[in-house]
Amino acid sequence: MVVVSTVLITAGLVFLVVSAIGLIGLPDLYTRAHAVAKSETLALLLIFVGLYFRPELDAGAAVRLTLILAFSLIANPTAVHALIRAAKRSGAEPWTVIDQAAADREIDKDRA
């Protein structure tokens, strides 16, 4: 059981690293929030499931872990949704907005 626990916790830590890389490397609020919300929630789930397989876990700790996990699985996506909705309402524009017609004109101008 310890091996299963270690594998799950390590997989969760890998997803947390991916989340941190996404937070640092992505260009705008929307892509950063998407990367963090998805990978952080999955990482949390993997780490907590890995903790359930630890032999030193007793019933009281398992109940507390379950409550924390349930709250986190509801709160994480909800908080990110509220953050994105507030950003959208305040006028934050995505960094990657592309005007295709202008891009085509630019390419045609470079070819000439």
PDB file of N, CA and C in Angstrom:
ATOM      1  N   MET A   1       0.809  -1.207   0.000  1.00  0.00           N
ATOM      2  CA  MET A   1       0.000   0.000   0.000  1.00  0.00           C
ATOM      3  C   MET A   1       0.849   1.268   0.000  1.00  0.00           C
ATOM      4  N   VAL A   2       2.017   1.184   0.597  1.00  0.00           N
ATOM      5  CA  VAL A   2       2.890   2.351   0.642  1.00  0.00           C
ATOM      6  C   VAL A   2       3.360   2.726  -0.762  1.00  0.00           C
ATOM      7  N   VAL A   3       3.589   1.727  -1.600  1.00  0.00           N
ATOM      8  CA  VAL A   3       4.027   1.995  -2.972  1.00  0.00           C
ATOM      9  C   VAL A   3       2.923   2.714  -3.741  1.00  0.00           C
ATOM     10  N   VAL A   4       1.698   2.264  -3.616  1.00  0.00           N
ATOM     11  CA  VAL A   4       0.560   2.913  -4.280  1.00  0.00           C
ATOM     12  C   VAL A   4       0.432   4.348  -3.781  1.00  0.00           C
ATOM     13  N   SER A   5       0.556   4.537  -2.490  1.00  0.00           N
ATOM     14  CA  SER A   5       0.469   5.868  -1.902  1.00  0.00           C
ATOM     15  C   SER A   5       1.555   6.789  -2.456  1.00  0.00           C
ATOM     16  N   THR A   6       2.761   6.283  -2.515  1.00  0.00           N
ATOM     17  CA  THR A   6       3.882   7.087  -3.011  1.00  0.00           C
ATOM     18  C   THR A   6       3.701   7.454  -4.476  1.00  0.00           C
ATOM     19  N   VAL A   7       3.226   6.517  -5.263  1.00  0.00           N
ATOM     20  CA  VAL A   7       2.999   6.792  -6.690  1.00  0.00           C
ATOM     21  C   VAL A   7       1.924   7.863  -6.868  1.00  0.00           C
ATOM     22  N   LEU A   8       0.831   7.746  -6.141  1.00  0.00           N
ATOM     23  CA  LEU A   8      -0.256   8.728  -6.269  1.00  0.00           C
ATOM     24  C   LEU A   8       0.178  10.112  -5.788  1.00  0.00           C
ATOM     25  N   ILE A   9       0.879  10.168  -4.678  1.00  0.00           N
ATOM     26  CA  ILE A   9       1.335  11.460  -4.168  1.00  0.00           C
ATOM     27  C   ILE A   9       2.358  12.080  -5.117  1.00  0.00           C
ATOM     28  N   THR A  10       3.241  11.269  -5.672  1.00  0.00           N
ATOM     29  CA  THR A  10       4.219  11.779  -6.648  1.00  0.00           C
ATOM     30  C   THR A  10       3.515  12.296  -7.903  1.00  0.00           C
ATOM     31  N   ALA A  11       2.505  11.578  -8.369  1.00  0.00           N
ATOM     32  CA  ALA A  11       1.746  12.048  -9.537  1.00  0.00           C
ATOM     33  C   ALA A  11       1.063  13.380  -9.223  1.00  0.00           C
ATOM     34  N   GLY A  12       0.529  13.520  -8.021  1.00  0.00           N
ATOM     35  CA  GLY A  12      -0.075  14.783  -7.619  1.00  0.00           C
ATOM     36  C   GLY A  12       0.937  15.919  -7.591  1.00  0.00           C
ATOM     37  N   LEU A  13       2.131  15.632  -7.107  1.00  0.00           N
ATOM     38  CA  LEU A  13       3.173  16.660  -7.082  1.00  0.00           C
ATOM     39  C   LEU A  13       3.601  17.065  -8.490  1.00  0.00           C
ATOM     40  N   VAL A  14       3.602  16.111  -9.407  1.00  0.00           N
ATOM     41  CA  VAL A  14       3.927  16.427 -10.808  1.00  0.00           C
ATOM     42  C   VAL A  14       2.881  17.394 -11.365  1.00  0.00           C
ATOM     43  N   PHE A  15       1.618  17.145 -11.068  1.00  0.00           N
ATOM     44  CA  PHE A  15       0.580  18.057 -11.547  1.00  0.00           C
ATOM     45  C   PHE A  15       0.686  19.427 -10.891  1.00  0.00           C
ATOM     46  N   LEU A  16       1.133  19.491  -9.643  1.00  0.00           N
ATOM     47  CA  LEU A  16       1.347  20.795  -9.011  1.00  0.00           C
ATOM     48  C   LEU A  16       2.482  21.555  -9.688  1.00  0.00           C
ATOM     49  N   VAL A  17       3.524  20.838 -10.095  1.00  0.00           N
ATOM     50  CA  VAL A  17       4.624  21.484 -10.821  1.00  0.00           C
ATOM     51  C   VAL A  17       4.121  22.002 -12.170  1.00  0.00           C
ATOM     52  N   VAL A  18       3.306  21.203 -12.850  1.00  0.00           N
ATOM     53  CA  VAL A  18       2.713  21.648 -14.121  1.00  0.00           C
ATOM     54  C   VAL A  18       1.861  22.894 -13.897  1.00  0.00           C
ATOM     55  N   SER A  19       1.141  22.929 -12.813  1.00  0.00           N
ATOM     56  CA  SER A  19       0.323  24.093 -12.474  1.00  0.00           C
ATOM     57  C   SER A  19       1.191  25.329 -12.267  1.00  0.00           C
ATOM     58  N   ALA A  20       2.290  25.168 -11.557  1.00  0.00           N
ATOM     59  CA  ALA A  20       3.198  26.299 -11.321  1.00  0.00           C
ATOM     60  C   ALA A  20       3.836  26.782 -12.618  1.00  0.00           C
ATOM     61  N   ILE A  21       4.214  25.852 -13.477  1.00  0.00           N
ATOM     62  CA  ILE A  21       4.795  26.235 -14.773  1.00  0.00           C
ATOM     63  C   ILE A  21       3.760  26.978 -15.614  1.00  0.00           C
ATOM     64  N   GLY A  22       2.519  26.512 -15.597  1.00  0.00           N
ATOM     65  CA  GLY A  22       1.454  27.204 -16.325  1.00  0.00           C
ATOM     66  C   GLY A  22       1.204  28.597 -15.779  1.00  0.00           C
ATOM     67  N   LEU A  23       1.260  28.741 -14.472  1.00  0.00           N
ATOM     68  CA  LEU A  23       1.044  30.043 -13.859  1.00  0.00           C
ATOM     69  C   LEU A  23       2.144  31.030 -14.243  1.00  0.00           C
ATOM     70  N   ILE A  24       3.356  30.556 -14.311  1.00  0.00           N
ATOM     71  CA  ILE A  24       4.487  31.429 -14.633  1.00  0.00           C
ATOM     72  C   ILE A  24       4.585  31.680 -16.135  1.00  0.00           C
ATOM     73  N   GLY A  25       4.344  30.655 -16.942  1.00  0.00           N
ATOM     74  CA  GLY A  25       4.667  30.748 -18.355  1.00  0.00           C
ATOM     75  C   GLY A  25       3.571  31.199 -19.298  1.00  0.00           C
ATOM     76  N   LEU A  26       2.334  31.133 -18.880  1.00  0.00           N
ATOM     77  CA  LEU A  26       1.255  31.479 -19.803  1.00  0.00           C
ATOM     78  C   LEU A  26       1.017  32.990 -19.824  1.00  0.00           C
ATOM     79  N   PRO A  27       0.492  33.505 -20.945  1.00  0.00           N
ATOM     80  CA  PRO A  27       0.513  34.950 -21.162  1.00  0.00           C
ATOM     81  C   PRO A  27      -0.561  35.778 -20.468  1.00  0.00           C
ATOM     82  N   ASP A  28      -1.740  35.242 -20.208  1.00  0.00           N
ATOM     83  CA  ASP A  28      -2.778  36.110 -19.661  1.00  0.00           C
ATOM     84  C   ASP A  28      -3.562  35.415 -18.561  1.00  0.00           C
ATOM     85  N   LEU A  29      -4.438  36.172 -17.951  1.00  0.00           N
ATOM     86  CA  LEU A  29      -5.212  35.698 -16.809  1.00  0.00           C
ATOM     87  C   LEU A  29      -6.053  34.483 -17.148  1.00  0.00           C
ATOM     88  N   TYR A  30      -6.658  34.468 -18.300  1.00  0.00           N
ATOM     89  CA  TYR A  30      -7.576  33.401 -18.666  1.00  0.00           C
ATOM     90  C   TYR A  30      -6.850  32.061 -18.846  1.00  0.00           C
ATOM     91  N   THR A  31      -5.746  32.055 -19.565  1.00  0.00           N
ATOM     92  CA  THR A  31      -5.017  30.807 -19.762  1.00  0.00           C
ATOM     93  C   THR A  31      -4.343  30.357 -18.475  1.00  0.00           C
ATOM     94  N   ARG A  32      -3.845  31.292 -17.690  1.00  0.00           N
ATOM     95  CA  ARG A  32      -3.234  30.932 -16.408  1.00  0.00           C
ATOM     96  C   ARG A  32      -4.267  30.301 -15.478  1.00  0.00           C
ATOM     97  N   ALA A  33      -5.427  30.907 -15.390  1.00  0.00           N
ATOM     98  CA  ALA A  33      -6.467  30.383 -14.499  1.00  0.00           C
ATOM     99  C   ALA A  33      -6.917  29.002 -14.948  1.00  0.00           C
ATOM    100  N   HIS A  34      -7.028  28.791 -16.247  1.00  0.00           N
ATOM    101  CA  HIS A  34      -7.436  27.482 -16.757  1.00  0.00           C
ATOM    102  C   HIS A  34      -6.403  26.413 -16.387  1.00  0.00           C
ATOM    103  N   ALA A  35      -5.135  26.729 -16.614  1.00  0.00           N
ATOM    104  CA  ALA A  35      -4.080  25.767 -16.315  1.00  0.00           C
ATOM    105  C   ALA A  35      -4.025  25.442 -14.826  1.00  0.00           C
ATOM    106  N   VAL A  36      -4.125  26.460 -14.007  1.00  0.00           N
ATOM    107  CA  VAL A  36      -4.036  26.248 -12.564  1.00  0.00           C
ATOM    108  C   VAL A  36      -5.260  25.512 -12.044  1.00  0.00           C
ATOM    109  N   ALA A  37      -6.433  25.873 -12.486  1.00  0.00           N
ATOM    110  CA  ALA A  37      -7.658  25.255 -11.963  1.00  0.00           C
ATOM    111  C   ALA A  37      -7.697  23.765 -12.270  1.00  0.00           C
ATOM    112  N   LYS A  38      -7.407  23.406 -13.493  1.00  0.00           N
ATOM    113  CA  LYS A  38      -7.497  21.996 -13.877  1.00  0.00           C
ATOM    114  C   LYS A  38      -6.424  21.150 -13.191  1.00  0.00           C
ATOM    115  N   SER A  39      -5.178  21.565 -13.324  1.00  0.00           N
ATOM    116  CA  SER A  39      -4.106  20.723 -12.801  1.00  0.00           C
ATOM    117  C   SER A  39      -4.028  20.741 -11.281  1.00  0.00           C
ATOM    118  N   GLU A  40      -4.361  21.850 -10.662  1.00  0.00           N
ATOM    119  CA  GLU A  40      -4.324  21.907  -9.200  1.00  0.00           C
ATOM    120  C   GLU A  40      -5.416  21.039  -8.580  1.00  0.00           C
ATOM    121  N   THR A  41      -6.590  21.027  -9.160  1.00  0.00           N
ATOM    122  CA  THR A  41      -7.672  20.200  -8.643  1.00  0.00           C
ATOM    123  C   THR A  41      -7.345  18.718  -8.805  1.00  0.00           C
ATOM    124  N   LEU A  42      -6.804  18.334  -9.946  1.00  0.00           N
ATOM    125  CA  LEU A  42      -6.403  16.946 -10.142  1.00  0.00           C
ATOM    126  C   LEU A  42      -5.265  16.566  -9.195  1.00  0.00           C
ATOM    127  N   ALA A  43      -4.316  17.463  -9.003  1.00  0.00           N
ATOM    128  CA  ALA A  43      -3.211  17.201  -8.078  1.00  0.00           C
ATOM    129  C   ALA A  43      -3.719  17.002  -6.659  1.00  0.00           C
ATOM    130  N   LEU A  44      -4.635  17.833  -6.251  1.00  0.00           N
ATOM    131  CA  LEU A  44      -5.212  17.709  -4.917  1.00  0.00           C
ATOM    132  C   LEU A  44      -5.902  16.356  -4.750  1.00  0.00           C
ATOM    133  N   LEU A  45      -6.650  15.956  -5.743  1.00  0.00           N
ATOM    134  CA  LEU A  45      -7.341  14.672  -5.694  1.00  0.00           C
ATOM    135  C   LEU A  45      -6.345  13.512  -5.602  1.00  0.00           C
ATOM    136  N   LEU A  46      -5.304  13.544  -6.417  1.00  0.00           N
ATOM    137  CA  LEU A  46      -4.309  12.474  -6.392  1.00  0.00           C
ATOM    138  C   LEU A  46      -3.565  12.412  -5.060  1.00  0.00           C
ATOM    139  N   ILE A  47      -3.200  13.559  -4.517  1.00  0.00           N
ATOM    140  CA  ILE A  47      -2.486  13.580  -3.247  1.00  0.00           C
ATOM    141  C   ILE A  47      -3.356  13.046  -2.122  1.00  0.00           C
ATOM    142  N   PHE A  48      -4.609  13.450  -2.083  1.00  0.00           N
ATOM    143  CA  PHE A  48      -5.485  12.993  -1.013  1.00  0.00           C
ATOM    144  C   PHE A  48      -5.787  11.497  -1.145  1.00  0.00           C
ATOM    145  N   VAL A  49      -5.992  11.005  -2.351  1.00  0.00           N
ATOM    146  CA  VAL A  49      -6.208   9.571  -2.531  1.00  0.00           C
ATOM    147  C   VAL A  49      -4.946   8.813  -2.123  1.00  0.00           C
ATOM    148  N   GLY A  50      -3.787   9.361  -2.438  1.00  0.00           N
ATOM    149  CA  GLY A  50      -2.539   8.758  -1.980  1.00  0.00           C
ATOM    150  C   GLY A  50      -2.431   8.736  -0.470  1.00  0.00           C
ATOM    151  N   LEU A  51      -2.916   9.775   0.185  1.00  0.00           N
ATOM    152  CA  LEU A  51      -2.893   9.797   1.652  1.00  0.00           C
ATOM    153  C   LEU A  51      -3.830   8.761   2.253  1.00  0.00           C
ATOM    154  N   TYR A  52      -4.917   8.449   1.566  1.00  0.00           N
ATOM    155  CA  TYR A  52      -5.831   7.415   2.061  1.00  0.00           C
ATOM    156  C   TYR A  52      -5.149   6.050   2.129  1.00  0.00           C
ATOM    157  N   PHE A  53      -4.174   5.802   1.273  1.00  0.00           N
ATOM    158  CA  PHE A  53      -3.488   4.511   1.251  1.00  0.00           C
ATOM    159  C   PHE A  53      -2.345   4.412   2.258  1.00  0.00           C
ATOM    160  N   ARG A  54      -2.063   5.476   2.993  1.00  0.00           N
ATOM    161  CA  ARG A  54      -1.000   5.424   3.998  1.00  0.00           C
ATOM    162  C   ARG A  54      -1.432   4.530   5.158  1.00  0.00           C
ATOM    163  N   PRO A  55      -0.547   3.655   5.618  1.00  0.00           N
ATOM    164  CA  PRO A  55      -0.939   2.730   6.690  1.00  0.00           C
ATOM    165  C   PRO A  55      -1.167   3.406   8.039  1.00  0.00           C
ATOM    166  N   GLU A  56      -0.567   4.552   8.267  1.00  0.00           N
ATOM    167  CA  GLU A  56      -0.724   5.211   9.568  1.00  0.00           C
ATOM    168  C   GLU A  56      -1.992   6.062   9.664  1.00  0.00           C
ATOM    169  N   LEU A  57      -2.816   6.075   8.636  1.00  0.00           N
ATOM    170  CA  LEU A  57      -4.042   6.868   8.635  1.00  0.00           C
ATOM    171  C   LEU A  57      -5.122   6.174   9.468  1.00  0.00           C
ATOM    172  N   ASP A  58      -5.652   6.889  10.439  1.00  0.00           N
ATOM    173  CA  ASP A  58      -6.730   6.308  11.250  1.00  0.00           C
ATOM    174  C   ASP A  58      -8.079   6.838  10.769  1.00  0.00           C
ATOM    175  N   ALA A  59      -9.157   6.371  11.376  1.00  0.00           N
ATOM    176  CA  ALA A  59     -10.516   6.709  10.920  1.00  0.00           C
ATOM    177  C   ALA A  59     -10.809   8.198  11.084  1.00  0.00           C
ATOM    178  N   GLY A  60     -10.386   8.795  12.178  1.00  0.00           N
ATOM    179  CA  GLY A  60     -10.637  10.223  12.398  1.00  0.00           C
ATOM    180  C   GLY A  60      -9.953  11.093  11.359  1.00  0.00           C
ATOM    181  N   ALA A  61      -8.712  10.736  11.044  1.00  0.00           N
ATOM    182  CA  ALA A  61      -7.979  11.490  10.025  1.00  0.00           C
ATOM    183  C   ALA A  61      -8.603  11.299   8.651  1.00  0.00           C
ATOM    184  N   ALA A  62      -9.103  10.103   8.373  1.00  0.00           N
ATOM    185  CA  ALA A  62      -9.746   9.842   7.077  1.00  0.00           C
ATOM    186  C   ALA A  62     -11.002  10.683   6.912  1.00  0.00           C
ATOM    187  N   VAL A  63     -11.762  10.840   7.985  1.00  0.00           N
ATOM    188  CA  VAL A  63     -12.969  11.674   7.925  1.00  0.00           C
ATOM    189  C   VAL A  63     -12.581  13.129   7.672  1.00  0.00           C
ATOM    190  N   ARG A  64     -11.560  13.612   8.373  1.00  0.00           N
ATOM    191  CA  ARG A  64     -11.117  14.997   8.168  1.00  0.00           C
ATOM    192  C   ARG A  64     -10.597  15.210   6.749  1.00  0.00           C
ATOM    193  N   LEU A  65      -9.830  14.237   6.253  1.00  0.00           N
ATOM    194  CA  LEU A  65      -9.336  14.334   4.875  1.00  0.00           C
ATOM    195  C   LEU A  65     -10.486  14.357   3.879  1.00  0.00           C
ATOM    196  N   THR A  66     -11.493  13.563   4.110  1.00  0.00           N
ATOM    197  CA  THR A  66     -12.646  13.521   3.206  1.00  0.00           C
ATOM    198  C   THR A  66     -13.375  14.856   3.194  1.00  0.00           C
ATOM    199  N   LEU A  67     -13.550  15.457   4.357  1.00  0.00           N
ATOM    200  CA  LEU A  67     -14.221  16.763   4.415  1.00  0.00           C
ATOM    201  C   LEU A  67     -13.400  17.850   3.720  1.00  0.00           C
ATOM    202  N   ILE A  68     -12.094  17.839   3.949  1.00  0.00           N
ATOM    203  CA  ILE A  68     -11.228  18.823   3.292  1.00  0.00           C
ATOM    204  C   ILE A  68     -11.244  18.623   1.784  1.00  0.00           C
ATOM    205  N   LEU A  69     -11.184  17.368   1.346  1.00  0.00           N
ATOM    206  CA  LEU A  69     -11.204  17.075  -0.087  1.00  0.00           C
ATOM    207  C   LEU A  69     -12.516  17.509  -0.723  1.00  0.00           C
ATOM    208  N   ALA A  70     -13.634  17.206  -0.074  1.00  0.00           N
ATOM    209  CA  ALA A  70     -14.934  17.600  -0.619  1.00  0.00           C
ATOM    210  C   ALA A  70     -15.043  19.117  -0.731  1.00  0.00           C
ATOM    211  N   PHE A  71     -14.636  19.819   0.311  1.00  0.00           N
ATOM    212  CA  PHE A  71     -14.681  21.282   0.264  1.00  0.00           C
ATOM    213  C   PHE A  71     -13.775  21.821  -0.841  1.00  0.00           C
ATOM    214  N   SER A  72     -12.575  21.278  -0.961  1.00  0.00           N
ATOM    215  CA  SER A  72     -11.623  21.771  -1.960  1.00  0.00           C
ATOM    216  C   SER A  72     -12.080  21.492  -3.385  1.00  0.00           C
ATOM    217  N   LEU A  73     -12.685  20.319  -3.597  1.00  0.00           N
ATOM    218  CA  LEU A  73     -13.149  19.995  -4.947  1.00  0.00           C
ATOM    219  C   LEU A  73     -14.317  20.877  -5.374  1.00  0.00           C
ATOM    220  N   ILE A  74     -15.037  21.422  -4.423  1.00  0.00           N
ATOM    221  CA  ILE A  74     -16.104  22.372  -4.741  1.00  0.00           C
ATOM    222  C   ILE A  74     -15.551  23.795  -4.819  1.00  0.00           C
ATOM    223  N   ALA A  75     -14.679  24.156  -3.890  1.00  0.00           N
ATOM    224  CA  ALA A  75     -14.208  25.534  -3.786  1.00  0.00           C
ATOM    225  C   ALA A  75     -13.217  25.934  -4.878  1.00  0.00           C
ATOM    226  N   ASN A  76     -12.312  25.042  -5.266  1.00  0.00           N
ATOM    227  CA  ASN A  76     -11.308  25.401  -6.273  1.00  0.00           C
ATOM    228  C   ASN A  76     -11.939  25.842  -7.601  1.00  0.00           C
ATOM    229  N   PRO A  77     -12.742  25.006  -8.243  1.00  0.00           N
ATOM    230  CA  PRO A  77     -13.322  25.447  -9.517  1.00  0.00           C
ATOM    231  C   PRO A  77     -14.264  26.646  -9.364  1.00  0.00           C
ATOM    232  N   THR A  78     -14.975  26.707  -8.243  1.00  0.00           N
ATOM    233  CA  THR A  78     -15.884  27.828  -8.024  1.00  0.00           C
ATOM    234  C   THR A  78     -15.115  29.137  -7.879  1.00  0.00           C
ATOM    235  N   ALA A  79     -14.025  29.105  -7.148  1.00  0.00           N
ATOM    236  CA  ALA A  79     -13.213  30.315  -6.958  1.00  0.00           C
ATOM    237  C   ALA A  79     -12.591  30.773  -8.279  1.00  0.00           C
ATOM    238  N   VAL A  80     -12.114  29.841  -9.073  1.00  0.00           N
ATOM    239  CA  VAL A  80     -11.528  30.216 -10.367  1.00  0.00           C
ATOM    240  C   VAL A  80     -12.603  30.782 -11.290  1.00  0.00           C
ATOM    241  N   HIS A  81     -13.787  30.190 -11.261  1.00  0.00           N
ATOM    242  CA  HIS A  81     -14.887  30.714 -12.069  1.00  0.00           C
ATOM    243  C   HIS A  81     -15.232  32.145 -11.651  1.00  0.00           C
ATOM    244  N   ALA A  82     -15.299  32.393 -10.349  1.00  0.00           N
ATOM    245  CA  ALA A  82     -15.603  33.745  -9.861  1.00  0.00           C
ATOM    246  C   ALA A  82     -14.506  34.732 -10.259  1.00  0.00           C
ATOM    247  N   LEU A  83     -13.257  34.292 -10.191  1.00  0.00           N
ATOM    248  CA  LEU A  83     -12.147  35.154 -10.583  1.00  0.00           C
ATOM    249  C   LEU A  83     -12.221  35.525 -12.062  1.00  0.00           C
ATOM    250  N   ILE A  84     -12.481  34.552 -12.903  1.00  0.00           N
ATOM    251  CA  ILE A  84     -12.568  34.802 -14.343  1.00  0.00           C
ATOM    252  C   ILE A  84     -13.782  35.667 -14.673  1.00  0.00           C
ATOM    253  N   ARG A  85     -14.878  35.412 -14.003  1.00  0.00           N
ATOM    254  CA  ARG A  85     -16.075  36.217 -14.256  1.00  0.00           C
ATOM    255  C   ARG A  85     -15.848  37.673 -13.851  1.00  0.00           C
ATOM    256  N   ALA A  86     -15.178  37.883 -12.710  1.00  0.00           N
ATOM    257  CA  ALA A  86     -14.868  39.248 -12.282  1.00  0.00           C
ATOM    258  C   ALA A  86     -13.900  39.918 -13.248  1.00  0.00           C
ATOM    259  N   ALA A  87     -12.936  39.175 -13.751  1.00  0.00           N
ATOM    260  CA  ALA A  87     -11.992  39.745 -14.715  1.00  0.00           C
ATOM    261  C   ALA A  87     -12.706  40.128 -16.003  1.00  0.00           C
ATOM    262  N   LYS A  88     -13.595  39.278 -16.456  1.00  0.00           N
ATOM    263  CA  LYS A  88     -14.343  39.564 -17.686  1.00  0.00           C
ATOM    264  C   LYS A  88     -15.224  40.798 -17.518  1.00  0.00           C
ATOM    265  N   ARG A  89     -15.887  40.884 -16.363  1.00  0.00           N
ATOM    266  CA  ARG A  89     -16.750  42.044 -16.117  1.00  0.00           C
ATOM    267  C   ARG A  89     -15.970  43.337 -15.956  1.00  0.00           C
ATOM    268  N   SER A  90     -14.733  43.248 -15.491  1.00  0.00           N
ATOM    269  CA  SER A  90     -13.941  44.463 -15.319  1.00  0.00           C
ATOM    270  C   SER A  90     -13.236  44.877 -16.608  1.00  0.00           C
ATOM    271  N   GLY A  91     -13.381  44.056 -17.658  1.00  0.00           N
ATOM    272  CA  GLY A  91     -12.862  44.451 -18.959  1.00  0.00           C
ATOM    273  C   GLY A  91     -11.521  43.848 -19.325  1.00  0.00           C
ATOM    274  N   ALA A  92     -11.056  42.853 -18.611  1.00  0.00           N
ATOM    275  CA  ALA A  92      -9.788  42.214 -18.949  1.00  0.00           C
ATOM    276  C   ALA A  92      -9.940  41.462 -20.269  1.00  0.00           C
ATOM    277  N   GLU A  93      -9.100  41.798 -21.208  1.00  0.00           N
ATOM    278  CA  GLU A  93      -9.150  41.174 -22.530  1.00  0.00           C
ATOM    279  C   GLU A  93      -8.138  40.037 -22.616  1.00  0.00           C
ATOM    280  N   PRO A  94      -8.478  38.982 -23.336  1.00  0.00           N
ATOM    281  CA  PRO A  94      -7.496  37.918 -23.542  1.00  0.00           C
ATOM    282  C   PRO A  94      -6.292  38.445 -24.328  1.00  0.00           C
ATOM    283  N   TRP A  95      -5.138  37.972 -23.983  1.00  0.00           N
ATOM    284  CA  TRP A  95      -3.915  38.404 -24.642  1.00  0.00           C
ATOM    285  C   TRP A  95      -3.840  37.896 -26.067  1.00  0.00           C
ATOM    286  N   THR A  96      -4.476  36.804 -26.369  1.00  0.00           N
ATOM    287  CA  THR A  96      -4.316  36.142 -27.660  1.00  0.00           C
ATOM    288  C   THR A  96      -5.451  36.423 -28.630  1.00  0.00           C
ATOM    289  N   VAL A  97      -6.040  37.606 -28.579  1.00  0.00           N
ATOM    290  CA  VAL A  97      -7.092  37.945 -29.529  1.00  0.00           C
ATOM    291  C   VAL A  97      -6.439  38.194 -30.891  1.00  0.00           C
ATOM    292  N   ILE A  98      -6.938  37.490 -31.915  1.00  0.00           N
ATOM    293  CA  ILE A  98      -6.348  37.583 -33.250  1.00  0.00           C
ATOM    294  C   ILE A  98      -7.407  38.054 -34.226  1.00  0.00           C
ATOM    295  N   ASP A  99      -7.085  39.090 -34.980  1.00  0.00           N
ATOM    296  CA  ASP A  99      -7.934  39.543 -36.065  1.00  0.00           C
ATOM    297  C   ASP A  99      -7.431  38.849 -37.326  1.00  0.00           C
ATOM    298  N   GLN A 100      -8.137  37.839 -37.788  1.00  0.00           N
ATOM    299  CA  GLN A 100      -7.661  37.019 -38.892  1.00  0.00           C
ATOM    300  C   GLN A 100      -7.501  37.822 -40.177  1.00  0.00           C
ATOM    301  N   ALA A 101      -8.419  38.728 -40.444  1.00  0.00           N
ATOM    302  CA  ALA A 101      -8.317  39.538 -41.681  1.00  0.00           C
ATOM    303  C   ALA A 101      -7.062  40.404 -41.644  1.00  0.00           C
ATOM    304  N   ALA A 102      -6.766  41.013 -40.502  1.00  0.00           N
ATOM    305  CA  ALA A 102      -5.565  41.842 -40.384  1.00  0.00           C
ATOM    306  C   ALA A 102      -4.307  40.983 -40.505  1.00  0.00           C
ATOM    307  N   ALA A 103      -4.339  39.790 -39.959  1.00  0.00           N
ATOM    308  CA  ALA A 103      -3.184  38.904 -40.067  1.00  0.00           C
ATOM    309  C   ALA A 103      -2.949  38.491 -41.515  1.00  0.00           C
ATOM    310  N   ASP A 104      -4.022  38.226 -42.249  1.00  0.00           N
ATOM    311  CA  ASP A 104      -3.879  37.866 -43.667  1.00  0.00           C
ATOM    312  C   ASP A 104      -3.324  39.029 -44.476  1.00  0.00           C
ATOM    313  N   ARG A 105      -3.797  40.263 -44.186  1.00  0.00           N
ATOM    314  CA  ARG A 105      -3.268  41.439 -44.885  1.00  0.00           C
ATOM    315  C   ARG A 105      -1.778  41.620 -44.585  1.00  0.00           C
ATOM    316  N   GLU A 106      -1.386  41.385 -43.375  1.00  0.00           N
ATOM    317  CA  GLU A 106       0.025  41.523 -42.978  1.00  0.00           C
ATOM    318  C   GLU A 106       0.901  40.504 -43.708  1.00  0.00           C
ATOM    319  N   ILE A 107       0.397  39.279 -43.829  1.00  0.00           N
ATOM    320  CA  ILE A 107       1.145  38.238 -44.548  1.00  0.00           C
ATOM    321  C   ILE A 107       1.250  38.599 -46.022  1.00  0.00           C
ATOM    322  N   ASP A 108       0.152  39.083 -46.627  1.00  0.00           N
ATOM    323  CA  ASP A 108       0.183  39.476 -48.029  1.00  0.00           C
ATOM    324  C   ASP A 108       1.121  40.644 -48.250  1.00  0.00           C
ATOM    325  N   LYS A 109       1.172  41.587 -47.305  1.00  0.00           N
ATOM    326  CA  LYS A 109       2.064  42.744 -47.418  1.00  0.00           C
ATOM    327  C   LYS A 109       3.525  42.295 -47.354  1.00  0.00           C
ATOM    328  N   ASP A 110       3.827  41.312 -46.517  1.00  0.00           N
ATOM    329  CA  ASP A 110       5.206  40.817 -46.400  1.00  0.00           C
ATOM    330  C   ASP A 110       5.653  40.063 -47.655  1.00  0.00           C
ATOM    331  N   ARG A 111       4.707  39.414 -48.330  1.00  0.00           N
ATOM    332  CA  ARG A 111       5.046  38.665 -49.537  1.00  0.00           C
ATOM    333  C   ARG A 111       5.336  39.590 -50.720  1.00  0.00           C
ATOM    334  N   ALA A 112       4.737  40.757 -50.719  1.00  0.00           N
ATOM    335  CA  ALA A 112       4.884  41.663 -51.863  1.00  0.00           C
ATOM    336  C   ALA A 112       6.199  42.400 -51.852  1.00  0.00           C
TER     337      ALA A 112
END
